[in-house]
C-alpha atoms as a PDB file:
ATOM      1  CA  MET A   1      43.652   0.888  -8.567  1.00  0.00           C
ATOM      2  CA  ARG A   2      40.166   2.137  -7.830  1.00  0.00           C
ATOM      3  CA  ASN A   3      37.228  -0.221  -7.328  1.00  0.00           C
ATOM      4  CA  PHE A   4      33.504   0.078  -7.968  1.00  0.00           C
ATOM      5  CA  ALA A   5      30.486  -1.935  -6.891  1.00  0.00           C
ATOM      6  CA  PHE A   6      27.334  -2.265  -8.947  1.00  0.00           C
ATOM      7  CA  ILE A   7      24.099  -3.519  -7.423  1.00  0.00           C
ATOM      8  CA  ILE A   8      21.980  -5.562  -9.799  1.00  0.00           C
ATOM      9  CA  ASN A   9      18.515  -5.173  -8.370  1.00  0.00           C
ATOM     10  CA  PRO A  10      16.055  -6.499 -10.966  1.00  0.00           C
ATOM     11  CA  GLN A  11      12.365  -5.725 -10.878  1.00  0.00           C
ATOM     12  CA  SER A  12      11.667  -9.351 -11.767  1.00  0.00           C
ATOM     13  CA  ILE A  13      13.720 -12.157 -10.222  1.00  0.00           C
ATOM     14  CA  LYS A  14      12.044 -14.607 -12.599  1.00  0.00           C
ATOM     15  CA  LYS A  15      13.235 -12.612 -15.615  1.00  0.00           C
ATOM     16  CA  THR A  16      16.736 -12.361 -14.193  1.00  0.00           C
ATOM     17  CA  GLY A  17      16.770 -16.110 -13.706  1.00  0.00           C
ATOM     18  CA  SER A  18      16.844 -16.575 -17.464  1.00  0.00           C
ATOM     19  CA  PHE A  19      20.259 -14.883 -17.471  1.00  0.00           C
ATOM     20  CA  TRP A  20      21.562 -16.137 -14.141  1.00  0.00           C
ATOM     21  CA  PRO A  21      19.990 -19.500 -13.253  1.00  0.00           C
ATOM     22  CA  LEU A  22      21.709 -19.457  -9.871  1.00  0.00           C
ATOM     23  CA  PHE A  23      20.484 -15.950  -9.063  1.00  0.00           C
ATOM     24  CA  LYS A  24      18.784 -16.864  -5.790  1.00  0.00           C
ATOM     25  CA  PHE A  25      22.056 -18.332  -4.529  1.00  0.00           C
ATOM     26  CA  LEU A  26      23.985 -15.149  -5.394  1.00  0.00           C
ATOM     27  CA  LEU A  27      22.023 -12.756  -3.190  1.00  0.00           C
ATOM     28  CA  GLN A  28      24.391 -10.790  -0.953  1.00  0.00           C
ATOM     29  CA  ILE A  29      27.440 -12.566  -2.406  1.00  0.00           C
ATOM     30  CA  PRO A  30      29.760 -10.173  -4.264  1.00  0.00           C
ATOM     31  CA  LEU A  31      30.882 -11.424  -7.650  1.00  0.00           C
ATOM     32  CA  LYS A  32      34.251 -10.021  -8.635  1.00  0.00           C
ATOM     33  CA  ALA A  33      34.290  -8.338 -12.036  1.00  0.00           C
ATOM     34  CA  ARG A  34      37.108  -8.639 -14.507  1.00  0.00           C
ATOM     35  CA  ILE A  35      39.614  -5.803 -14.589  1.00  0.00           C
ATOM     36  CA  VAL A  36      38.367  -3.066 -16.916  1.00  0.00           C
ATOM     37  CA  ARG A  37      40.956  -1.101 -18.847  1.00  0.00           C
ATOM     38  CA  SER A  38      40.525   2.385 -20.235  1.00  0.00           C
ATOM     39  CA  LEU A  39      41.685   3.292 -23.728  1.00  0.00           C
ATOM     40  CA  ASN A  40      44.430   5.345 -22.077  1.00  0.00           C
ATOM     41  CA  GLY A  41      45.655   2.434 -19.959  1.00  0.00           C
ATOM     42  CA  LYS A  42      43.963   3.103 -16.613  1.00  0.00           C
ATOM     43  CA  GLU A  43      42.479   0.088 -14.858  1.00  0.00           C
ATOM     44  CA  ILE A  44      39.698  -0.478 -12.321  1.00  0.00           C
ATOM     45  CA  GLY A  45      38.410  -3.463 -10.441  1.00  0.00           C
ATOM     46  CA  GLY A  46      34.904  -4.054  -9.249  1.00  0.00           C
ATOM     47  CA  TYR A  47      32.154  -6.196  -7.790  1.00  0.00           C
ATOM     48  CA  PHE A  48      28.628  -7.116  -8.818  1.00  0.00           C
ATOM     49  CA  ILE A  49      26.174  -7.505  -5.972  1.00  0.00           C
ATOM     50  CA  PHE A  50      22.820  -9.187  -6.602  1.00  0.00           C
ATOM     51  CA  SER A  51      19.902  -7.909  -4.560  1.00  0.00           C
ATOM     52  CA  ALA A  52      16.224  -8.804  -4.421  1.00  0.00           C
ATOM     53  CA  PRO A  53      13.851  -5.883  -5.142  1.00  0.00           C
ATOM     54  CA  SER A  54      12.987  -4.713  -1.665  1.00  0.00           C
ATOM     55  CA  PRO A  55      14.246  -1.662   0.253  1.00  0.00           C
ATOM     56  CA  ALA A  56      15.505  -3.811   3.126  1.00  0.00           C
ATOM     57  CA  GLN A  57      17.554  -6.130   0.919  1.00  0.00           C
ATOM     58  CA  LEU A  58      18.797  -3.200  -1.124  1.00  0.00           C
ATOM     59  CA  MET A  59      20.121  -1.571   2.041  1.00  0.00           C
ATOM     60  CA  ASN A  60      21.829  -4.839   2.979  1.00  0.00           C
ATOM     61  CA  SER A  61      23.536  -4.805  -0.416  1.00  0.00           C
ATOM     62  CA  ILE A  62      24.613  -1.202   0.077  1.00  0.00           C
ATOM     63  CA  ARG A  63      26.133  -2.067   3.441  1.00  0.00           C
ATOM     64  CA  LEU A  64      27.996  -4.947   1.778  1.00  0.00           C
ATOM     65  CA  ALA A  65      29.416  -2.507  -0.802  1.00  0.00           C
ATOM     66  CA  GLU A  66      30.552  -0.256   2.042  1.00  0.00           C
ATOM     67  CA  ARG A  67      32.365  -3.157   3.699  1.00  0.00           C
ATOM     68  CA  LEU A  68      34.145  -3.872   0.415  1.00  0.00           C
ATOM     69  CA  SER A  69      35.576  -0.331   0.646  1.00  0.00           C
ATOM     70  CA  VAL A  70      34.817   0.486  -2.975  1.00  0.00           C
ATOM     71  CA  ASP A  71      35.305   4.026  -4.293  1.00  0.00           C
ATOM     72  CA  ILE A  72      31.887   4.384  -5.911  1.00  0.00           C
ATOM     73  CA  LEU A  73      28.600   2.472  -5.968  1.00  0.00           C
ATOM     74  CA  GLY A  74      26.274   2.118  -8.946  1.00  0.00           C
ATOM     75  CA  LEU A  75      22.605   1.233  -8.612  1.00  0.00           C
ATOM     76  CA  ASN A  76      20.522  -0.472 -11.271  1.00  0.00           C
ATOM     77  CA  GLY A  77      16.899  -1.339 -11.919  1.00  0.00           C
ATOM     78  CA  TYR A  78      14.660  -0.989  -8.886  1.00  0.00           C
ATOM     79  CA  ALA A  79      17.563   0.473  -6.936  1.00  0.00           C
ATOM     80  CA  SER A  80      17.785   3.475  -9.222  1.00  0.00           C
ATOM     81  CA  TYR A  81      14.362   4.622  -7.986  1.00  0.00           C
ATOM     82  CA  LEU A  82      15.518   4.499  -4.384  1.00  0.00           C
ATOM     83  CA  ASP A  83      19.004   6.007  -4.418  1.00  0.00           C
ATOM     84  CA  ARG A  84      17.833   9.590  -3.887  1.00  0.00           C
ATOM     85  CA  ASP A  85      16.028   8.568  -0.706  1.00  0.00           C
ATOM     86  CA  LEU A  86      18.837   6.388   0.548  1.00  0.00           C
ATOM     87  CA  SER A  87      21.904   8.374  -0.521  1.00  0.00           C
ATOM     88  CA  LYS A  88      21.928  10.448   2.680  1.00  0.00           C
ATOM     89  CA  ASN A  89      22.545   7.241   4.641  1.00  0.00           C
ATOM     90  CA  ILE A  90      25.188   5.791   2.322  1.00  0.00           C
ATOM     91  CA  LYS A  91      28.833   6.212   3.292  1.00  0.00           C
ATOM     92  CA  ILE A  92      30.256   5.917  -0.228  1.00  0.00           C
ATOM     93  CA  PRO A  93      29.561   7.966  -3.390  1.00  0.00           C
ATOM     94  CA  VAL A  94      26.581   6.795  -5.426  1.00  0.00           C
ATOM     95  CA  THR A  95      25.358   7.047  -9.004  1.00  0.00           C
ATOM     96  CA  CYS A  96      22.390   5.514 -10.797  1.00  0.00           C
ATOM     97  CA  GLY A  97      23.694   6.253 -14.296  1.00  0.00           C
ATOM     98  CA  SER A  98      20.958   8.625 -15.460  1.00  0.00           C
ATOM     99  CA  THR A  99      23.346  11.095 -17.091  1.00  0.00           C
ATOM    100  CA  LEU A 100      25.186   8.686 -19.387  1.00  0.00           C
ATOM    101  CA  THR A 101      21.925   6.883 -20.163  1.00  0.00           C
ATOM    102  CA  ALA A 102      20.362  10.177 -21.262  1.00  0.00           C
ATOM    103  CA  TRP A 103      23.427  11.058 -23.315  1.00  0.00           C
ATOM    104  CA  SER A 104      23.406   7.684 -25.096  1.00  0.00           C
ATOM    105  CA  ILE A 105      19.710   8.123 -25.978  1.00  0.00           C
ATOM    106  CA  PHE A 106      20.413  11.597 -27.338  1.00  0.00           C
ATOM    107  CA  GLU A 107      23.358  10.271 -29.371  1.00  0.00           C
ATOM    108  CA  VAL A 108      21.237   7.535 -30.953  1.00  0.00           C
ATOM    109  CA  PHE A 109      18.613  10.163 -31.807  1.00  0.00           C
ATOM    110  CA  TYR A 110      21.290  12.352 -33.413  1.00  0.00           C
ATOM    111  CA  ARG A 111      22.679   9.439 -35.432  1.00  0.00           C
ATOM    112  CA  ILE A 112      19.199   8.580 -36.698  1.00  0.00           C
ATOM    113  CA  ILE A 113      18.475  12.060 -38.012  1.00  0.00           C
ATOM    114  CA  ARG A 114      21.846  12.103 -39.793  1.00  0.00           C
ATOM    115  CA  ILE A 115      21.352   8.674 -41.366  1.00  0.00           C
ATOM    116  CA  ARG A 116      17.817   9.551 -42.465  1.00  0.00           C
ATOM    117  CA  ASN A 117      18.864  13.047 -43.607  1.00  0.00           C
ATOM    118  CA  LEU A 118      16.176  14.563 -41.392  1.00  0.00           C
ATOM    119  CA  ASN A 119      16.159  18.235 -40.494  1.00  0.00           C
ATOM    120  CA  PRO A 120      15.694  18.340 -36.703  1.00  0.00           C
ATOM    121  CA  ARG A 121      13.987  21.720 -36.994  1.00  0.00           C
ATOM    122  CA  ASN A 122      11.177  20.025 -38.916  1.00  0.00           C
ATOM    123  CA  ILE A 123      10.782  17.063 -36.584  1.00  0.00           C
ATOM    124  CA  THR A 124       7.912  16.320 -34.228  1.00  0.00           C
ATOM    125  CA  LEU A 125       9.268  14.190 -31.398  1.00  0.00           C
ATOM    126  CA  ALA A 126       7.089  12.027 -29.127  1.00  0.00           C
ATOM    127  CA  LEU A 127       8.287  10.967 -25.684  1.00  0.00           C
ATOM    128  CA  LEU A 128       6.455   8.085 -23.973  1.00  0.00           C
ATOM    129  CA  GLU A 129       6.535   7.816 -20.175  1.00  0.00           C
ATOM    130  CA  PRO A 130       9.126  10.605 -19.852  1.00  0.00           C
ATOM    131  CA  THR A 131       8.678  11.093 -16.115  1.00  0.00           C
ATOM    132  CA  GLY A 132      11.870   9.503 -14.759  1.00  0.00           C
ATOM    133  CA  HIS A 133      15.076  11.425 -14.144  1.00  0.00           C
ATOM    134  CA  THR A 134      16.788  10.021 -17.247  1.00  0.00           C
ATOM    135  CA  ALA A 135      13.794  10.908 -19.408  1.00  0.00           C
ATOM    136  CA  SER A 136      13.495  14.407 -17.979  1.00  0.00           C
ATOM    137  CA  LEU A 137      17.170  15.109 -18.645  1.00  0.00           C
ATOM    138  CA  CYS A 138      16.912  13.706 -22.157  1.00  0.00           C
ATOM    139  CA  ALA A 139      13.738  15.684 -22.902  1.00  0.00           C
ATOM    140  CA  ARG A 140      15.349  18.954 -21.859  1.00  0.00           C
ATOM    141  CA  LYS A 141      18.371  18.237 -24.067  1.00  0.00           C
ATOM    142  CA  LEU A 142      16.223  17.300 -27.074  1.00  0.00           C
ATOM    143  CA  SER A 143      14.095  20.425 -26.720  1.00  0.00           C
ATOM    144  CA  GLY A 144      17.040  22.377 -28.095  1.00  0.00           C
ATOM    145  CA  TYR A 145      16.834  20.400 -31.347  1.00  0.00           C
ATOM    146  CA  CYS A 146      13.152  19.707 -31.998  1.00  0.00           C
ATOM    147  CA  PRO A 147      10.550  22.504 -32.303  1.00  0.00           C
ATOM    148  CA  ARG A 148       7.609  20.240 -31.426  1.00  0.00           C
ATOM    149  CA  ILE A 149       7.516  17.728 -28.589  1.00  0.00           C
ATOM    150  CA  ILE A 150       4.607  15.514 -27.546  1.00  0.00           C
ATOM    151  CA  LEU A 151       4.616  14.085 -24.026  1.00  0.00           C
ATOM    152  CA  SER A 152       2.512  11.053 -23.178  1.00  0.00           C
ATOM    153  CA  GLY A 153       2.319   8.985 -20.022  1.00  0.00           C
ATOM    154  CA  LEU A 154       0.287   7.942 -17.020  1.00  0.00           C
ATOM    155  CA  GLU A 155       1.519  10.498 -14.472  1.00  0.00           C
ATOM    156  CA  SER A 156      -0.190  13.685 -15.645  1.00  0.00           C
ATOM    157  CA  ASP A 157       1.193  15.861 -12.834  1.00  0.00           C
ATOM    158  CA  LYS A 158       4.776  14.923 -13.715  1.00  0.00           C
ATOM    159  CA  LEU A 159       4.089  15.478 -17.410  1.00  0.00           C
ATOM    160  CA  GLU A 160       2.843  18.981 -16.630  1.00  0.00           C
ATOM    161  CA  ALA A 161       5.957  19.686 -14.536  1.00  0.00           C
ATOM    162  CA  LEU A 162       8.221  18.440 -17.330  1.00  0.00           C
ATOM    163  CA  LYS A 163       6.352  20.573 -19.844  1.00  0.00           C
ATOM    164  CA  GLU A 164       6.971  23.667 -17.736  1.00  0.00           C
ATOM    165  CA  ASN A 165      10.669  22.807 -17.356  1.00  0.00           C
ATOM    166  CA  ILE A 166      11.055  22.410 -21.137  1.00  0.00           C
ATOM    167  CA  LEU A 167       9.226  25.646 -21.910  1.00  0.00           C
ATOM    168  CA  ARG A 168      11.609  27.557 -19.628  1.00  0.00           C
ATOM    169  CA  LEU A 169      14.542  26.570 -21.844  1.00  0.00           C
ATOM    170  CA  GLY A 170      13.399  28.282 -25.022  1.00  0.00           C
ATOM    171  CA  PRO A 171      10.844  28.509 -27.836  1.00  0.00           C
ATOM    172  CA  VAL A 172       9.439  25.021 -28.328  1.00  0.00           C
ATOM    173  CA  GLU A 173       5.903  23.704 -28.732  1.00  0.00           C
ATOM    174  CA  VAL A 174       5.079  21.130 -26.061  1.00  0.00           C
ATOM    175  CA  THR A 175       1.786  19.243 -25.918  1.00  0.00           C
ATOM    176  CA  ILE A 176       0.525  16.433 -23.697  1.00  0.00           C
ATOM    177  CA  ALA A 177      -1.349  13.606 -25.406  1.00  0.00           C
ATOM    178  CA  GLU A 178      -3.451  10.870 -23.821  1.00  0.00           C
ATOM    179  CA  ASP A 179      -3.777   8.726 -26.951  1.00  0.00           C
ATOM    180  CA  THR A 180      -0.506   6.858 -27.402  1.00  0.00           C
ATOM    181  CA  GLN A 181      -1.829   4.811 -30.325  1.00  0.00           C
ATOM    182  CA  SER A 182      -1.776   7.759 -32.711  1.00  0.00           C
ATOM    183  CA  LEU A 183       1.631   9.113 -31.734  1.00  0.00           C
ATOM    184  CA  ALA A 184       3.441   7.216 -34.489  1.00  0.00           C
ATOM    185  CA  GLN A 185       1.314   9.086 -37.028  1.00  0.00           C
ATOM    186  CA  LYS A 186       1.953  12.480 -35.438  1.00  0.00           C
ATOM    187  CA  ALA A 187       5.705  12.158 -34.789  1.00  0.00           C
ATOM    188  CA  GLU A 188       8.668  11.278 -36.995  1.00  0.00           C
ATOM    189  CA  ILE A 189      10.581   9.881 -34.012  1.00  0.00           C
ATOM    190  CA  VAL A 190       9.178   8.246 -30.861  1.00  0.00           C
ATOM    191  CA  ILE A 191      11.289   7.575 -27.766  1.00  0.00           C
ATOM    192  CA  HIS A 192       9.841   5.120 -25.271  1.00  0.00           C
ATOM    193  CA  PHE A 193      11.506   5.395 -21.869  1.00  0.00           C
ATOM    194  CA  GLY A 194      11.620   2.417 -19.573  1.00  0.00           C
ATOM    195  CA  ALA A 195      14.007  -0.212 -18.247  1.00  0.00           C
ATOM    196  CA  SER A 196      15.192  -0.638 -21.863  1.00  0.00           C
ATOM    197  CA  PRO A 197      14.698   2.674 -23.707  1.00  0.00           C
ATOM    198  CA  GLU A 198      13.756   2.377 -27.387  1.00  0.00           C
ATOM    199  CA  ILE A 199      13.730   4.844 -30.262  1.00  0.00           C
ATOM    200  CA  THR A 200      11.363   4.288 -33.190  1.00  0.00           C
ATOM    201  CA  CYS A 201      11.722   6.003 -36.540  1.00  0.00           C
ATOM    202  CA  GLY A 202       9.443   4.705 -39.277  1.00  0.00           C
ATOM    203  CA  ASN A 203       9.649   0.917 -39.223  1.00  0.00           C
ATOM    204  CA  THR A 204      12.986   0.909 -37.410  1.00  0.00           C
ATOM    205  CA  ARG A 205      13.133   0.327 -33.668  1.00  0.00           C
ATOM    206  CA  ILE A 206      16.472   0.772 -31.929  1.00  0.00           C
ATOM    207  CA  ARG A 207      17.330  -0.064 -28.355  1.00  0.00           C
ATOM    208  CA  ALA A 208      19.149   2.774 -26.598  1.00  0.00           C
ATOM    209  CA  GLY A 209      20.956   3.220 -23.290  1.00  0.00           C
ATOM    210  CA  LEU A 210      23.759   0.772 -24.128  1.00  0.00           C
ATOM    211  CA  ILE A 211      27.525   1.311 -24.142  1.00  0.00           C
ATOM    212  CA  LYS A 212      30.346  -0.627 -25.808  1.00  0.00           C
ATOM    213  CA  LEU A 213      33.502  -1.105 -23.756  1.00  0.00           C
ATOM    214  CA  PRO A 214      36.883  -0.259 -25.294  1.00  0.00           C
ATOM    215  CA  LEU A 215      39.313  -2.951 -26.464  1.00  0.00           C
ATOM    216  CA  ALA A 216      36.556  -5.584 -26.903  1.00  0.00           C
ATOM    217  CA  GLN A 217      36.594  -6.311 -23.173  1.00  0.00           C
ATOM    218  CA  LYS A 218      34.219  -8.591 -21.288  1.00  0.00           C
ATOM    219  CA  ILE A 219      33.050  -8.005 -17.725  1.00  0.00           C
ATOM    220  CA  GLY A 220      32.676 -11.575 -16.528  1.00  0.00           C
ATOM    221  CA  ILE A 221      28.897 -11.976 -16.281  1.00  0.00           C
ATOM    222  CA  ASN A 222      26.181 -12.721 -18.809  1.00  0.00           C
ATOM    223  CA  THR A 223      23.899  -9.686 -19.067  1.00  0.00           C
ATOM    224  CA  GLY A 224      21.935 -10.974 -22.043  1.00  0.00           C
ATOM    225  CA  LEU A 225      23.682  -8.359 -24.215  1.00  0.00           C
ATOM    226  CA  PRO A 226      26.366  -8.845 -26.891  1.00  0.00           C
ATOM    227  CA  ALA A 227      29.882  -9.345 -25.566  1.00  0.00           C
ATOM    228  CA  GLY A 228      31.477  -6.090 -24.493  1.00  0.00           C
ATOM    229  CA  VAL A 229      28.137  -4.215 -24.363  1.00  0.00           C
ATOM    230  CA  ILE A 230      26.825  -3.024 -20.999  1.00  0.00           C
ATOM    231  CA  PRO A 231      23.981  -0.817 -19.699  1.00  0.00           C
ATOM    232  CA  ALA A 232      24.849   2.876 -19.542  1.00  0.00           C
ATOM    233  CA  SER A 233      24.183   2.878 -15.787  1.00  0.00           C
ATOM    234  CA  LEU A 234      27.005   0.382 -15.277  1.00  0.00           C
ATOM    235  CA  ALA A 235      29.228   2.229 -17.755  1.00  0.00           C
ATOM    236  CA  GLU A 236      28.750   5.497 -15.865  1.00  0.00           C
ATOM    237  CA  THR A 237      29.815   3.821 -12.631  1.00  0.00           C
ATOM    238  CA  MET A 238      32.965   2.463 -14.306  1.00  0.00           C
ATOM    239  CA  LEU A 239      33.783   5.788 -15.953  1.00  0.00           C
ATOM    240  CA  LEU A 240      33.534   7.738 -12.709  1.00  0.00           C
ATOM    241  CA  ALA A 241      35.906   5.229 -11.089  1.00  0.00           C
ATOM    242  CA  LEU A 242      38.353   5.478 -14.019  1.00  0.00           C
ATOM    243  CA  GLU A 243      38.209   9.267 -13.929  1.00  0.00           C
ATOM    244  CA  GLY A 244      38.641   9.380 -10.152  1.00  0.00           C
ATOM    245  CA  LYS A 245      35.458  11.407  -9.926  1.00  0.00           C
ATOM    246  CA  CYS A 246      34.117   9.516  -6.951  1.00  0.00           C
ATOM    247  CA  VAL A 247      31.265  11.785  -5.891  1.00  0.00           C
ATOM    248  CA  ASN A 248      27.477  11.487  -5.847  1.00  0.00           C
ATOM    249  CA  TYR A 249      26.507  11.697  -9.516  1.00  0.00           C
ATOM    250  CA  SER A 250      23.161  11.516 -11.317  1.00  0.00           C
ATOM    251  CA  CYS A 251      21.469  11.833  -7.947  1.00  0.00           C
ATOM    252  CA  GLU A 252      19.903  15.300  -8.208  1.00  0.00           C
ATOM    253  CA  GLU A 253      16.166  15.697  -8.613  1.00  0.00           C
ATOM    254  CA  ILE A 254      16.843  17.767 -11.741  1.00  0.00           C
ATOM    255  CA  ILE A 255      20.231  16.990 -13.295  1.00  0.00           C
ATOM    256  CA  ASN A 256      22.127  19.929 -14.760  1.00  0.00           C
ATOM    257  CA  LEU A 257      22.326  19.789 -18.549  1.00  0.00           C
ATOM    258  CA  GLU A 258      26.041  20.585 -18.403  1.00  0.00           C
ATOM    259  CA  LYS A 259      26.628  17.134 -16.918  1.00  0.00           C
ATOM    260  CA  LEU A 260      25.652  15.581 -20.254  1.00  0.00           C
ATOM    261  CA  GLU A 261      28.650  17.164 -21.936  1.00  0.00           C
ATOM    262  CA  GLU A 262      30.875  16.274 -18.999  1.00  0.00           C
ATOM    263  CA  ILE A 263      30.004  12.562 -19.002  1.00  0.00           C
ATOM    264  CA  ALA A 264      30.236  12.448 -22.811  1.00  0.00           C
ATOM    265  CA  ASP A 265      33.777  13.861 -22.627  1.00  0.00           C
ATOM    266  CA  ILE A 266      34.742  11.371 -19.930  1.00  0.00           C
ATOM    267  CA  ALA A 267      33.366   8.491 -22.013  1.00  0.00           C
ATOM    268  CA  ALA A 268      35.272   9.609 -25.118  1.00  0.00           C
ATOM    269  CA  LYS A 269      38.473  10.011 -23.104  1.00  0.00           C
ATOM    270  CA  HIS A 270      38.314   6.409 -21.896  1.00  0.00           C
ATOM    271  CA  GLY A 271      37.034   4.874 -25.145  1.00  0.00           C
ATOM    272  CA  PHE A 272      33.459   4.030 -24.093  1.00  0.00           C
ATOM    273  CA  GLU A 273      31.061   4.352 -27.044  1.00  0.00           C
ATOM    274  CA  THR A 274      27.291   4.408 -27.468  1.00  0.00           C
ATOM    275  CA  TRP A 275      26.253   1.047 -28.947  1.00  0.00           C
ATOM    276  CA  ALA A 276      23.540   1.134 -31.588  1.00  0.00           C
ATOM    277  CA  PRO A 277      24.460  -1.001 -34.630  1.00  0.00           C
ATOM    278  CA  GLU A 278      21.271   0.064 -36.444  1.00  0.00           C
ATOM    279  CA  ALA A 279      22.470   3.672 -36.201  1.00  0.00           C
ATOM    280  CA  PRO A 280      26.240   3.616 -36.771  1.00  0.00           C
ATOM    281  CA  VAL A 281      28.473   6.674 -36.541  1.00  0.00           C
ATOM    282  CA  ARG A 282      28.921   8.489 -39.839  1.00  0.00           C
END
């Protein structure tokens, strides 16, 4: 049975304390996860490792994962911004979950337009703070569905680079806006990227980037989410272990769009589903 490790490296220890009151006592102590079973019967074990948000402590947590001899390591939160710099010095395969997170956001978007009977070719889509790797991947995927995309964020150089990357993919109108207050009036759908991505359509706001485990399973820790629902970054780590695809994943500077279809197929094979009760599957 393959094993994974997942480093929980929150950007705010105080915030994490509301979920795990004993957080400060758990640093560098691996917490064994419950066995996770795939829809087709495969099983994996795993560990959760809590790490304070500093490069030094993150590296200590990575070394702990290496000593546990796990098959793949998932990074979360602050760690996901460091894995590309650190991955060359890590002895086990690493993922930060960007690919499945991007796919789950795209799937929620697709469900919304079906529920609302919207024609994607008539939609103006606004993307807020789309400068991370998940957001960039998602933006490139969505550019094949929406003819008009508005980018808005603080890092103007990265917005310009993303605009150029989108324009290379095909005929789409891409603009960069500084005024975020008026975006809701200009766009039918707004996606706000961040630690907890959200999609807004009209008066409805839906949290994205969440995955429901098969067979109503629980993982053994309180994440502040409904039972059996986990972040896509954790789900991607589990799926790669279940699939035996223990390689560096979601670590490229620009992730290939074909990986979206690959991770979606792997998720469907093992019974992992995008969780968005406000936008159910039709």
